mmCIF file of all heavy atoms, coordinates in Angstrom:
data_MODEL
# 
_entry.id   MODEL 
# 
loop_
_atom_site.group_PDB 
_atom_site.id 
_atom_site.type_symbol 
_atom_site.label_atom_id 
_atom_site.label_alt_id 
_atom_site.label_comp_id 
_atom_site.label_asym_id 
_atom_site.label_entity_id 
_atom_site.label_seq_id 
_atom_site.pdbx_PDB_ins_code 
_atom_site.Cartn_x 
_atom_site.Cartn_y 
_atom_site.Cartn_z 
_atom_site.occupancy 
_atom_site.B_iso_or_equiv 
_atom_site.pdbx_formal_charge 
_atom_site.auth_seq_id 
_atom_site.auth_comp_id 
_atom_site.auth_asym_id 
_atom_site.auth_atom_id 
_atom_site.pdbx_PDB_model_num 
ATOM 1   N N   . ALA A 1 1  ? 7.406  1.971  9.279  1.00 0.00 ? 1  ALA A N   1 
ATOM 2   C CA  . ALA A 1 1  ? 6.325  1.130  9.784  1.00 0.00 ? 1  ALA A CA  1 
ATOM 3   C C   . ALA A 1 1  ? 5.394  1.969  10.648 1.00 0.00 ? 1  ALA A C   1 
ATOM 4   O O   . ALA A 1 1  ? 5.730  3.078  11.074 1.00 0.00 ? 1  ALA A O   1 
ATOM 5   C CB  . ALA A 1 1  ? 6.903  -0.032 10.589 1.00 0.00 ? 1  ALA A CB  1 
ATOM 6   N N   . LEU A 1 2  ? 4.210  1.451  10.919 1.00 0.00 ? 2  LEU A N   1 
ATOM 7   C CA  . LEU A 1 2  ? 3.286  2.126  11.818 1.00 0.00 ? 2  LEU A CA  1 
ATOM 8   C C   . LEU A 1 2  ? 3.902  2.198  13.212 1.00 0.00 ? 2  LEU A C   1 
ATOM 9   O O   . LEU A 1 2  ? 4.657  1.323  13.618 1.00 0.00 ? 2  LEU A O   1 
ATOM 10  C CB  . LEU A 1 2  ? 1.963  1.363  11.872 1.00 0.00 ? 2  LEU A CB  1 
ATOM 11  C CG  . LEU A 1 2  ? 1.116  1.352  10.591 1.00 0.00 ? 2  LEU A CG  1 
ATOM 12  C CD1 . LEU A 1 2  ? -0.101 0.449  10.781 1.00 0.00 ? 2  LEU A CD1 1 
ATOM 13  C CD2 . LEU A 1 2  ? 0.689  2.758  10.215 1.00 0.00 ? 2  LEU A CD2 1 
ATOM 14  N N   . ARG A 1 3  ? 3.576  3.261  13.952 1.00 0.00 ? 3  ARG A N   1 
ATOM 15  C CA  . ARG A 1 3  ? 4.053  3.495  15.313 1.00 0.00 ? 3  ARG A CA  1 
ATOM 16  C C   . ARG A 1 3  ? 5.553  3.764  15.372 1.00 0.00 ? 3  ARG A C   1 
ATOM 17  O O   . ARG A 1 3  ? 6.186  3.599  16.406 1.00 0.00 ? 3  ARG A O   1 
ATOM 18  C CB  . ARG A 1 3  ? 3.693  2.298  16.220 1.00 0.00 ? 3  ARG A CB  1 
ATOM 19  C CG  . ARG A 1 3  ? 2.206  2.196  16.486 1.00 0.00 ? 3  ARG A CG  1 
ATOM 20  C CD  . ARG A 1 3  ? 1.832  0.864  17.139 1.00 0.00 ? 3  ARG A CD  1 
ATOM 21  N NE  . ARG A 1 3  ? 2.623  0.579  18.330 1.00 0.00 ? 3  ARG A NE  1 
ATOM 22  C CZ  . ARG A 1 3  ? 2.359  1.038  19.546 1.00 0.00 ? 3  ARG A CZ  1 
ATOM 23  N NH1 . ARG A 1 3  ? 1.331  1.861  19.722 1.00 0.00 ? 3  ARG A NH1 1 
ATOM 24  N NH2 . ARG A 1 3  ? 3.110  0.702  20.577 1.00 0.00 ? 3  ARG A NH2 1 
ATOM 25  N N   . VAL A 1 4  ? 6.114  4.192  14.246 1.00 0.00 ? 4  VAL A N   1 
ATOM 26  C CA  . VAL A 1 4  ? 7.494  4.674  14.212 1.00 0.00 ? 4  VAL A CA  1 
ATOM 27  C C   . VAL A 1 4  ? 7.435  6.153  13.847 1.00 0.00 ? 4  VAL A C   1 
ATOM 28  O O   . VAL A 1 4  ? 6.854  6.523  12.829 1.00 0.00 ? 4  VAL A O   1 
ATOM 29  C CB  . VAL A 1 4  ? 8.354  3.909  13.187 1.00 0.00 ? 4  VAL A CB  1 
ATOM 30  C CG1 . VAL A 1 4  ? 9.765  4.494  13.135 1.00 0.00 ? 4  VAL A CG1 1 
ATOM 31  C CG2 . VAL A 1 4  ? 8.412  2.432  13.545 1.00 0.00 ? 4  VAL A CG2 1 
ATOM 32  N N   . TYR A 1 5  ? 8.035  7.010  14.673 1.00 0.00 ? 5  TYR A N   1 
ATOM 33  C CA  . TYR A 1 5  ? 7.922  8.457  14.503 1.00 0.00 ? 5  TYR A CA  1 
ATOM 34  C C   . TYR A 1 5  ? 9.293  9.068  14.209 1.00 0.00 ? 5  TYR A C   1 
ATOM 35  O O   . TYR A 1 5  ? 10.330 8.415  14.361 1.00 0.00 ? 5  TYR A O   1 
ATOM 36  C CB  . TYR A 1 5  ? 7.298  9.085  15.751 1.00 0.00 ? 5  TYR A CB  1 
ATOM 37  C CG  . TYR A 1 5  ? 5.947  8.494  16.085 1.00 0.00 ? 5  TYR A CG  1 
ATOM 38  C CD1 . TYR A 1 5  ? 5.841  7.394  16.939 1.00 0.00 ? 5  TYR A CD1 1 
ATOM 39  C CD2 . TYR A 1 5  ? 4.780  9.013  15.540 1.00 0.00 ? 5  TYR A CD2 1 
ATOM 40  C CE1 . TYR A 1 5  ? 4.608  6.832  17.236 1.00 0.00 ? 5  TYR A CE1 1 
ATOM 41  C CE2 . TYR A 1 5  ? 3.544  8.461  15.832 1.00 0.00 ? 5  TYR A CE2 1 
ATOM 42  C CZ  . TYR A 1 5  ? 3.459  7.364  16.682 1.00 0.00 ? 5  TYR A CZ  1 
ATOM 43  O OH  . TYR A 1 5  ? 2.239  6.815  16.968 1.00 0.00 ? 5  TYR A OH  1 
ATOM 44  N N   . VAL A 1 6  ? 9.277  10.341 13.803 1.00 0.00 ? 6  VAL A N   1 
ATOM 45  C CA  . VAL A 1 6  ? 10.533 11.037 13.473 1.00 0.00 ? 6  VAL A CA  1 
ATOM 46  C C   . VAL A 1 6  ? 10.519 12.413 14.142 1.00 0.00 ? 6  VAL A C   1 
ATOM 47  O O   . VAL A 1 6  ? 10.201 13.428 13.509 1.00 0.00 ? 6  VAL A O   1 
ATOM 48  C CB  . VAL A 1 6  ? 10.721 11.190 11.953 1.00 0.00 ? 6  VAL A CB  1 
ATOM 49  C CG1 . VAL A 1 6  ? 12.134 11.710 11.645 1.00 0.00 ? 6  VAL A CG1 1 
ATOM 50  C CG2 . VAL A 1 6  ? 10.465 9.882  11.229 1.00 0.00 ? 6  VAL A CG2 1 
ATOM 51  N N   . PRO A 1 7  ? 10.868 12.493 15.422 1.00 0.00 ? 7  PRO A N   1 
ATOM 52  C CA  . PRO A 1 7  ? 10.842 13.777 16.122 1.00 0.00 ? 7  PRO A CA  1 
ATOM 53  C C   . PRO A 1 7  ? 12.060 14.654 15.888 1.00 0.00 ? 7  PRO A C   1 
ATOM 54  O O   . PRO A 1 7  ? 12.040 15.840 16.217 1.00 0.00 ? 7  PRO A O   1 
ATOM 55  C CB  . PRO A 1 7  ? 10.758 13.354 17.590 1.00 0.00 ? 7  PRO A CB  1 
ATOM 56  C CG  . PRO A 1 7  ? 11.458 12.045 17.636 1.00 0.00 ? 7  PRO A CG  1 
ATOM 57  C CD  . PRO A 1 7  ? 11.121 11.367 16.342 1.00 0.00 ? 7  PRO A CD  1 
ATOM 58  N N   . ALA A 1 8  ? 13.154 14.095 15.349 1.00 0.00 ? 8  ALA A N   1 
ATOM 59  C CA  . ALA A 1 8  ? 14.366 14.905 15.177 1.00 0.00 ? 8  ALA A CA  1 
ATOM 60  C C   . ALA A 1 8  ? 15.150 14.447 13.946 1.00 0.00 ? 8  ALA A C   1 
ATOM 61  O O   . ALA A 1 8  ? 15.207 13.258 13.630 1.00 0.00 ? 8  ALA A O   1 
ATOM 62  C CB  . ALA A 1 8  ? 15.245 14.810 16.419 1.00 0.00 ? 8  ALA A CB  1 
ATOM 63  N N   . THR A 1 9  ? 15.761 15.432 13.282 1.00 0.00 ? 9  THR A N   1 
ATOM 64  C CA  . THR A 1 9  ? 16.558 15.176 12.076 1.00 0.00 ? 9  THR A CA  1 
ATOM 65  C C   . THR A 1 9  ? 17.813 16.027 12.112 1.00 0.00 ? 9  THR A C   1 
ATOM 66  O O   . THR A 1 9  ? 17.776 17.182 12.552 1.00 0.00 ? 9  THR A O   1 
ATOM 67  C CB  . THR A 1 9  ? 15.750 15.531 10.813 1.00 0.00 ? 9  THR A CB  1 
ATOM 68  O OG1 . THR A 1 9  ? 14.539 14.767 10.797 1.00 0.00 ? 9  THR A OG1 1 
ATOM 69  C CG2 . THR A 1 9  ? 16.538 15.230 9.547  1.00 0.00 ? 9  THR A CG2 1 
ATOM 70  N N   . LEU A 1 10 ? 18.907 15.472 11.649 1.00 0.00 ? 10 LEU A N   1 
ATOM 71  C CA  . LEU A 1 10 ? 20.163 16.215 11.528 1.00 0.00 ? 10 LEU A CA  1 
ATOM 72  C C   . LEU A 1 10 ? 20.663 16.122 10.102 1.00 0.00 ? 10 LEU A C   1 
ATOM 73  O O   . LEU A 1 10 ? 20.732 15.032 9.531  1.00 0.00 ? 10 LEU A O   1 
ATOM 74  C CB  . LEU A 1 10 ? 21.232 15.635 12.463 1.00 0.00 ? 10 LEU A CB  1 
ATOM 75  C CG  . LEU A 1 10 ? 21.211 16.042 13.933 1.00 0.00 ? 10 LEU A CG  1 
ATOM 76  C CD1 . LEU A 1 10 ? 22.314 15.318 14.682 1.00 0.00 ? 10 LEU A CD1 1 
ATOM 77  C CD2 . LEU A 1 10 ? 21.386 17.549 14.080 1.00 0.00 ? 10 LEU A CD2 1 
ATOM 78  N N   . LEU A 1 11 ? 21.013 17.271 9.528  1.00 0.00 ? 11 LEU A N   1 
ATOM 79  C CA  . LEU A 1 11 ? 21.520 17.318 8.157  1.00 0.00 ? 11 LEU A CA  1 
ATOM 80  C C   . LEU A 1 11 ? 22.925 17.899 8.127  1.00 0.00 ? 11 LEU A C   1 
ATOM 81  O O   . LEU A 1 11 ? 23.182 18.961 8.693  1.00 0.00 ? 11 LEU A O   1 
ATOM 82  C CB  . LEU A 1 11 ? 20.604 18.179 7.282  1.00 0.00 ? 11 LEU A CB  1 
ATOM 83  C CG  . LEU A 1 11 ? 19.258 17.558 6.897  1.00 0.00 ? 11 LEU A CG  1 
ATOM 84  C CD1 . LEU A 1 11 ? 18.326 18.623 6.357  1.00 0.00 ? 11 LEU A CD1 1 
ATOM 85  C CD2 . LEU A 1 11 ? 19.447 16.461 5.868  1.00 0.00 ? 11 LEU A CD2 1 
ATOM 86  N N   . PHE A 1 12 ? 23.827 17.174 7.470  1.00 0.00 ? 12 PHE A N   1 
ATOM 87  C CA  . PHE A 1 12 ? 25.176 17.662 7.231  1.00 0.00 ? 12 PHE A CA  1 
ATOM 88  C C   . PHE A 1 12 ? 25.384 17.711 5.717  1.00 0.00 ? 12 PHE A C   1 
ATOM 89  O O   . PHE A 1 12 ? 24.458 17.447 4.952  1.00 0.00 ? 12 PHE A O   1 
ATOM 90  C CB  . PHE A 1 12 ? 26.196 16.745 7.909  1.00 0.00 ? 12 PHE A CB  1 
ATOM 91  C CG  . PHE A 1 12 ? 26.006 16.644 9.392  1.00 0.00 ? 12 PHE A CG  1 
ATOM 92  C CD1 . PHE A 1 12 ? 25.349 15.552 9.959  1.00 0.00 ? 12 PHE A CD1 1 
ATOM 93  C CD2 . PHE A 1 12 ? 26.454 17.648 10.235 1.00 0.00 ? 12 PHE A CD2 1 
ATOM 94  C CE1 . PHE A 1 12 ? 25.153 15.460 11.327 1.00 0.00 ? 12 PHE A CE1 1 
ATOM 95  C CE2 . PHE A 1 12 ? 26.272 17.570 11.608 1.00 0.00 ? 12 PHE A CE2 1 
ATOM 96  C CZ  . PHE A 1 12 ? 25.620 16.477 12.150 1.00 0.00 ? 12 PHE A CZ  1 
ATOM 97  N N   . GLU A 1 13 ? 26.575 18.058 5.263  1.00 0.00 ? 13 GLU A N   1 
ATOM 98  C CA  . GLU A 1 13 ? 26.805 18.232 3.832  1.00 0.00 ? 13 GLU A CA  1 
ATOM 99  C C   . GLU A 1 13 ? 26.491 16.967 3.035  1.00 0.00 ? 13 GLU A C   1 
ATOM 100 O O   . GLU A 1 13 ? 25.859 17.032 1.978  1.00 0.00 ? 13 GLU A O   1 
ATOM 101 C CB  . GLU A 1 13 ? 28.254 18.652 3.580  1.00 0.00 ? 13 GLU A CB  1 
ATOM 102 C CG  . GLU A 1 13 ? 28.537 18.946 2.114  1.00 0.00 ? 13 GLU A CG  1 
ATOM 103 C CD  . GLU A 1 13 ? 29.953 19.426 1.881  1.00 0.00 ? 13 GLU A CD  1 
ATOM 104 O OE1 . GLU A 1 13 ? 30.723 19.522 2.859  1.00 0.00 ? 13 GLU A OE1 1 
ATOM 105 O OE2 . GLU A 1 13 ? 30.297 19.710 0.713  1.00 0.00 ? 13 GLU A OE2 1 
ATOM 106 N N   . ARG A 1 14 ? 26.913 15.818 3.533  1.00 0.00 ? 14 ARG A N   1 
ATOM 107 C CA  . ARG A 1 14 ? 26.699 14.571 2.806  1.00 0.00 ? 14 ARG A CA  1 
ATOM 108 C C   . ARG A 1 14 ? 25.923 13.534 3.624  1.00 0.00 ? 14 ARG A C   1 
ATOM 109 O O   . ARG A 1 14 ? 25.626 12.446 3.118  1.00 0.00 ? 14 ARG A O   1 
ATOM 110 C CB  . ARG A 1 14 ? 28.045 13.962 2.388  1.00 0.00 ? 14 ARG A CB  1 
ATOM 111 C CG  . ARG A 1 14 ? 28.877 14.863 1.482  1.00 0.00 ? 14 ARG A CG  1 
ATOM 112 C CD  . ARG A 1 14 ? 30.159 14.163 1.073  1.00 0.00 ? 14 ARG A CD  1 
ATOM 113 N NE  . ARG A 1 14 ? 29.892 12.938 0.341  1.00 0.00 ? 14 ARG A NE  1 
ATOM 114 C CZ  . ARG A 1 14 ? 29.633 12.882 -0.959 1.00 0.00 ? 14 ARG A CZ  1 
ATOM 115 N NH1 . ARG A 1 14 ? 29.596 13.994 -1.679 1.00 0.00 ? 14 ARG A NH1 1 
ATOM 116 N NH2 . ARG A 1 14 ? 29.391 11.728 -1.553 1.00 0.00 ? 14 ARG A NH2 1 
ATOM 117 N N   . ASP A 1 15 ? 25.621 13.843 4.871  1.00 0.00 ? 15 ASP A N   1 
ATOM 118 C CA  . ASP A 1 15 ? 24.967 12.877 5.754  1.00 0.00 ? 15 ASP A CA  1 
ATOM 119 C C   . ASP A 1 15 ? 23.659 13.428 6.304  1.00 0.00 ? 15 ASP A C   1 
ATOM 120 O O   . ASP A 1 15 ? 23.515 14.632 6.507  1.00 0.00 ? 15 ASP A O   1 
ATOM 121 C CB  . ASP A 1 15 ? 25.882 12.530 6.926  1.00 0.00 ? 15 ASP A CB  1 
ATOM 122 C CG  . ASP A 1 15 ? 27.167 11.844 6.506  1.00 0.00 ? 15 ASP A CG  1 
ATOM 123 O OD1 . ASP A 1 15 ? 28.081 12.545 6.039  1.00 0.00 ? 15 ASP A OD1 1 
ATOM 124 O OD2 . ASP A 1 15 ? 27.252 10.617 6.652  1.00 0.00 ? 15 ASP A OD2 1 
ATOM 125 N N   . VAL A 1 16 ? 22.737 12.521 6.570  1.00 0.00 ? 16 VAL A N   1 
ATOM 126 C CA  . VAL A 1 16 ? 21.490 12.875 7.220  1.00 0.00 ? 16 VAL A CA  1 
ATOM 127 C C   . VAL A 1 16 ? 21.164 11.790 8.249  1.00 0.00 ? 16 VAL A C   1 
ATOM 128 O O   . VAL A 1 16 ? 21.383 10.599 7.997  1.00 0.00 ? 16 VAL A O   1 
ATOM 129 C CB  . VAL A 1 16 ? 20.334 13.035 6.202  1.00 0.00 ? 16 VAL A CB  1 
ATOM 130 C CG1 . VAL A 1 16 ? 20.116 11.766 5.394  1.00 0.00 ? 16 VAL A CG1 1 
ATOM 131 C CG2 . VAL A 1 16 ? 19.051 13.447 6.908  1.00 0.00 ? 16 VAL A CG2 1 
ATOM 132 N N   . PHE A 1 17 ? 20.689 12.215 9.434  1.00 0.00 ? 17 PHE A N   1 
ATOM 133 C CA  . PHE A 1 17 ? 20.321 11.294 10.496 1.00 0.00 ? 17 PHE A CA  1 
ATOM 134 C C   . PHE A 1 17 ? 18.881 11.558 10.915 1.00 0.00 ? 17 PHE A C   1 
ATOM 135 O O   . PHE A 1 17 ? 18.490 12.706 11.123 1.00 0.00 ? 17 PHE A O   1 
ATOM 136 C CB  . PHE A 1 17 ? 21.232 11.469 11.715 1.00 0.00 ? 17 PHE A CB  1 
ATOM 137 C CG  . PHE A 1 17 ? 22.665 11.069 11.498 1.00 0.00 ? 17 PHE A CG  1 
ATOM 138 C CD1 . PHE A 1 17 ? 23.562 11.950 10.900 1.00 0.00 ? 17 PHE A CD1 1 
ATOM 139 C CD2 . PHE A 1 17 ? 23.116 9.819  11.890 1.00 0.00 ? 17 PHE A CD2 1 
ATOM 140 C CE1 . PHE A 1 17 ? 24.886 11.595 10.704 1.00 0.00 ? 17 PHE A CE1 1 
ATOM 141 C CE2 . PHE A 1 17 ? 24.438 9.446  11.695 1.00 0.00 ? 17 PHE A CE2 1 
ATOM 142 C CZ  . PHE A 1 17 ? 25.327 10.339 11.100 1.00 0.00 ? 17 PHE A CZ  1 
ATOM 143 N N   . PHE A 1 18 ? 18.107 10.480 11.048 1.00 0.00 ? 18 PHE A N   1 
ATOM 144 C CA  . PHE A 1 18 ? 16.731 10.593 11.527 1.00 0.00 ? 18 PHE A CA  1 
ATOM 145 C C   . PHE A 1 18 ? 16.611 9.810  12.828 1.00 0.00 ? 18 PHE A C   1 
ATOM 146 O O   . PHE A 1 18 ? 16.980 8.635  12.897 1.00 0.00 ? 18 PHE A O   1 
ATOM 147 C CB  . PHE A 1 18 ? 15.747 10.026 10.505 1.00 0.00 ? 18 PHE A CB  1 
ATOM 148 C CG  . PHE A 1 18 ? 15.735 10.753 9.196  1.00 0.00 ? 18 PHE A CG  1 
ATOM 149 C CD1 . PHE A 1 18 ? 16.483 10.294 8.122  1.00 0.00 ? 18 PHE A CD1 1 
ATOM 150 C CD2 . PHE A 1 18 ? 14.975 11.901 9.020  1.00 0.00 ? 18 PHE A CD2 1 
ATOM 151 C CE1 . PHE A 1 18 ? 16.487 10.952 6.907  1.00 0.00 ? 18 PHE A CE1 1 
ATOM 152 C CE2 . PHE A 1 18 ? 14.963 12.577 7.814  1.00 0.00 ? 18 PHE A CE2 1 
ATOM 153 C CZ  . PHE A 1 18 ? 15.728 12.106 6.754  1.00 0.00 ? 18 PHE A CZ  1 
ATOM 154 N N   . LEU A 1 19 ? 16.094 10.480 13.856 1.00 0.00 ? 19 LEU A N   1 
ATOM 155 C CA  . LEU A 1 19 ? 15.821 9.834  15.138 1.00 0.00 ? 19 LEU A CA  1 
ATOM 156 C C   . LEU A 1 19 ? 14.418 9.244  15.063 1.00 0.00 ? 19 LEU A C   1 
ATOM 157 O O   . LEU A 1 19 ? 13.457 9.964  14.802 1.00 0.00 ? 19 LEU A O   1 
ATOM 158 C CB  . LEU A 1 19 ? 15.915 10.866 16.256 1.00 0.00 ? 19 LEU A CB  1 
ATOM 159 C CG  . LEU A 1 19 ? 15.836 10.361 17.692 1.00 0.00 ? 19 LEU A CG  1 
ATOM 160 C CD1 . LEU A 1 19 ? 17.115 9.613  18.059 1.00 0.00 ? 19 LEU A CD1 1 
ATOM 161 C CD2 . LEU A 1 19 ? 15.622 11.522 18.655 1.00 0.00 ? 19 LEU A CD2 1 
ATOM 162 N N   . MET A 1 20 ? 14.282 7.923  15.309 1.00 0.00 ? 20 MET A N   1 
ATOM 163 C CA  . MET A 1 20 ? 13.003 7.268  15.066 1.00 0.00 ? 20 MET A CA  1 
ATOM 164 C C   . MET A 1 20 ? 12.605 6.366  16.239 1.00 0.00 ? 20 MET A C   1 
ATOM 165 O O   . MET A 1 20 ? 12.929 5.172  16.257 1.00 0.00 ? 20 MET A O   1 
ATOM 166 C CB  . MET A 1 20 ? 13.079 6.446  13.773 1.00 0.00 ? 20 MET A CB  1 
ATOM 167 C CG  . MET A 1 20 ? 13.525 7.246  12.565 1.00 0.00 ? 20 MET A CG  1 
ATOM 168 S SD  . MET A 1 20 ? 13.365 6.378  10.984 1.00 0.00 ? 20 MET A SD  1 
ATOM 169 C CE  . MET A 1 20 ? 14.258 4.852  11.313 1.00 0.00 ? 20 MET A CE  1 
ATOM 170 N N   . PRO A 1 21 ? 11.928 6.904  17.257 1.00 0.00 ? 21 PRO A N   1 
ATOM 171 C CA  . PRO A 1 21 ? 11.413 6.050  18.325 1.00 0.00 ? 21 PRO A CA  1 
ATOM 172 C C   . PRO A 1 21 ? 10.377 5.068  17.774 1.00 0.00 ? 21 PRO A C   1 
ATOM 173 O O   . PRO A 1 21 ? 9.453  5.470  17.076 1.00 0.00 ? 21 PRO A O   1 
ATOM 174 C CB  . PRO A 1 21 ? 10.790 7.046  19.305 1.00 0.00 ? 21 PRO A CB  1 
ATOM 175 C CG  . PRO A 1 21 ? 10.548 8.281  18.501 1.00 0.00 ? 21 PRO A CG  1 
ATOM 176 C CD  . PRO A 1 21 ? 11.613 8.333  17.464 1.00 0.00 ? 21 PRO A CD  1 
ATOM 177 N N   . ASP A 1 22 ? 10.560 3.807  18.078 1.00 0.00 ? 22 ASP A N   1 
ATOM 178 C CA  . ASP A 1 22 ? 9.708  2.745  17.556 1.00 0.00 ? 22 ASP A CA  1 
ATOM 179 C C   . ASP A 1 22 ? 8.900  2.163  18.713 1.00 0.00 ? 22 ASP A C   1 
ATOM 180 O O   . ASP A 1 22 ? 9.431  1.435  19.553 1.00 0.00 ? 22 ASP A O   1 
ATOM 181 C CB  . ASP A 1 22 ? 10.583 1.663  16.903 1.00 0.00 ? 22 ASP A CB  1 
ATOM 182 C CG  . ASP A 1 22 ? 9.759  0.592  16.218 1.00 0.00 ? 22 ASP A CG  1 
ATOM 183 O OD1 . ASP A 1 22 ? 8.557  0.470  16.521 1.00 0.00 ? 22 ASP A OD1 1 
ATOM 184 O OD2 . ASP A 1 22 ? 10.332 -0.144 15.385 1.00 0.00 ? 22 ASP A OD2 1 
ATOM 185 N N   . HIS A 1 23 ? 7.618  2.464  18.747 1.00 0.00 ? 23 HIS A N   1 
ATOM 186 C CA  . HIS A 1 23 ? 6.769  2.004  19.835 1.00 0.00 ? 23 HIS A CA  1 
ATOM 187 C C   . HIS A 1 23 ? 6.399  0.528  19.697 1.00 0.00 ? 23 HIS A C   1 
ATOM 188 O O   . HIS A 1 23 ? 5.815  -0.048 20.616 1.00 0.00 ? 23 HIS A O   1 
ATOM 189 C CB  . HIS A 1 23 ? 5.505  2.860  19.907 1.00 0.00 ? 23 HIS A CB  1 
ATOM 190 C CG  . HIS A 1 23 ? 5.749  4.229  20.441 1.00 0.00 ? 23 HIS A CG  1 
ATOM 191 N ND1 . HIS A 1 23 ? 5.353  4.633  21.692 1.00 0.00 ? 23 HIS A ND1 1 
ATOM 192 C CD2 . HIS A 1 23 ? 6.381  5.302  19.898 1.00 0.00 ? 23 HIS A CD2 1 
ATOM 193 C CE1 . HIS A 1 23 ? 5.705  5.890  21.899 1.00 0.00 ? 23 HIS A CE1 1 
ATOM 194 N NE2 . HIS A 1 23 ? 6.341  6.314  20.817 1.00 0.00 ? 23 HIS A NE2 1 
ATOM 195 N N   . ASN A 1 24 ? 6.724  -0.073 18.589 1.00 0.00 ? 24 ASN A N   1 
ATOM 196 C CA  . ASN A 1 24 ? 6.491  -1.498 18.429 1.00 0.00 ? 24 ASN A CA  1 
ATOM 197 C C   . ASN A 1 24 ? 7.474  -2.323 19.256 1.00 0.00 ? 24 ASN A C   1 
ATOM 198 O O   . ASN A 1 24 ? 7.138  -3.414 19.720 1.00 0.00 ? 24 ASN A O   1 
ATOM 199 C CB  . ASN A 1 24 ? 6.616  -1.894 16.949 1.00 0.00 ? 24 ASN A CB  1 
ATOM 200 C CG  . ASN A 1 24 ? 5.626  -1.160 16.074 1.00 0.00 ? 24 ASN A CG  1 
ATOM 201 O OD1 . ASN A 1 24 ? 4.423  -1.355 16.173 1.00 0.00 ? 24 ASN A OD1 1 
ATOM 202 N ND2 . ASN A 1 24 ? 6.132  -0.289 15.203 1.00 0.00 ? 24 ASN A ND2 1 
ATOM 203 N N   . ILE A 1 25 ? 8.681  -1.784 19.439 1.00 0.00 ? 25 ILE A N   1 
ATOM 204 C CA  . ILE A 1 25 ? 9.704  -2.497 20.194 1.00 0.00 ? 25 ILE A CA  1 
ATOM 205 C C   . ILE A 1 25 ? 10.167 -1.724 21.423 1.00 0.00 ? 25 ILE A C   1 
ATOM 206 O O   . ILE A 1 25 ? 11.024 -2.188 22.175 1.00 0.00 ? 25 ILE A O   1 
ATOM 207 C CB  . ILE A 1 25 ? 10.918 -2.822 19.303 1.00 0.00 ? 25 ILE A CB  1 
ATOM 208 C CG1 . ILE A 1 25 ? 11.530 -1.535 18.731 1.00 0.00 ? 25 ILE A CG1 1 
ATOM 209 C CG2 . ILE A 1 25 ? 10.519 -3.774 18.180 1.00 0.00 ? 25 ILE A CG2 1 
ATOM 210 C CD1 . ILE A 1 25 ? 12.807 -1.763 17.929 1.00 0.00 ? 25 ILE A CD1 1 
ATOM 211 N N   . ASN A 1 26 ? 9.611  -0.495 21.617 1.00 0.00 ? 26 ASN A N   1 
ATOM 212 C CA  . ASN A 1 26 ? 9.982  0.379  22.743 1.00 0.00 ? 26 ASN A CA  1 
ATOM 213 C C   . ASN A 1 26 ? 11.471 0.713  22.753 1.00 0.00 ? 26 ASN A C   1 
ATOM 214 O O   . ASN A 1 26 ? 12.083 0.847  23.809 1.00 0.00 ? 26 ASN A O   1 
ATOM 215 C CB  . ASN A 1 26 ? 9.572  -0.247 24.074 1.00 0.00 ? 26 ASN A CB  1 
ATOM 216 C CG  . ASN A 1 26 ? 8.106  -0.039 24.371 1.00 0.00 ? 26 ASN A CG  1 
ATOM 217 O OD1 . ASN A 1 26 ? 7.523  0.981  24.006 1.00 0.00 ? 26 ASN A OD1 1 
ATOM 218 N ND2 . ASN A 1 26 ? 7.486  -1.011 25.016 1.00 0.00 ? 26 ASN A ND2 1 
ATOM 219 N N   . LYS A 1 27 ? 12.021 0.838  21.563 1.00 0.00 ? 27 LYS A N   1 
ATOM 220 C CA  . LYS A 1 27 ? 13.416 1.239  21.410 1.00 0.00 ? 27 LYS A CA  1 
ATOM 221 C C   . LYS A 1 27 ? 13.499 2.321  20.335 1.00 0.00 ? 27 LYS A C   1 
ATOM 222 O O   . LYS A 1 27 ? 12.516 2.610  19.641 1.00 0.00 ? 27 LYS A O   1 
ATOM 223 C CB  . LYS A 1 27 ? 14.288 0.042  21.010 1.00 0.00 ? 27 LYS A CB  1 
ATOM 224 C CG  . LYS A 1 27 ? 14.339 -1.062 22.055 1.00 0.00 ? 27 LYS A CG  1 
ATOM 225 C CD  . LYS A 1 27 ? 15.197 -2.226 21.570 1.00 0.00 ? 27 LYS A CD  1 
ATOM 226 C CE  . LYS A 1 27 ? 15.208 -3.352 22.586 1.00 0.00 ? 27 LYS A CE  1 
ATOM 227 N NZ  . LYS A 1 27 ? 16.007 -4.519 22.126 1.00 0.00 ? 27 LYS A NZ  1 
# 
């Protein structure tokens, strides 16, 4: 969605994590 960003990503062999601060909900 708009105002959702991705400043950090973690990659493992089978898993991936995206950190996504959402300014629409401030969480």
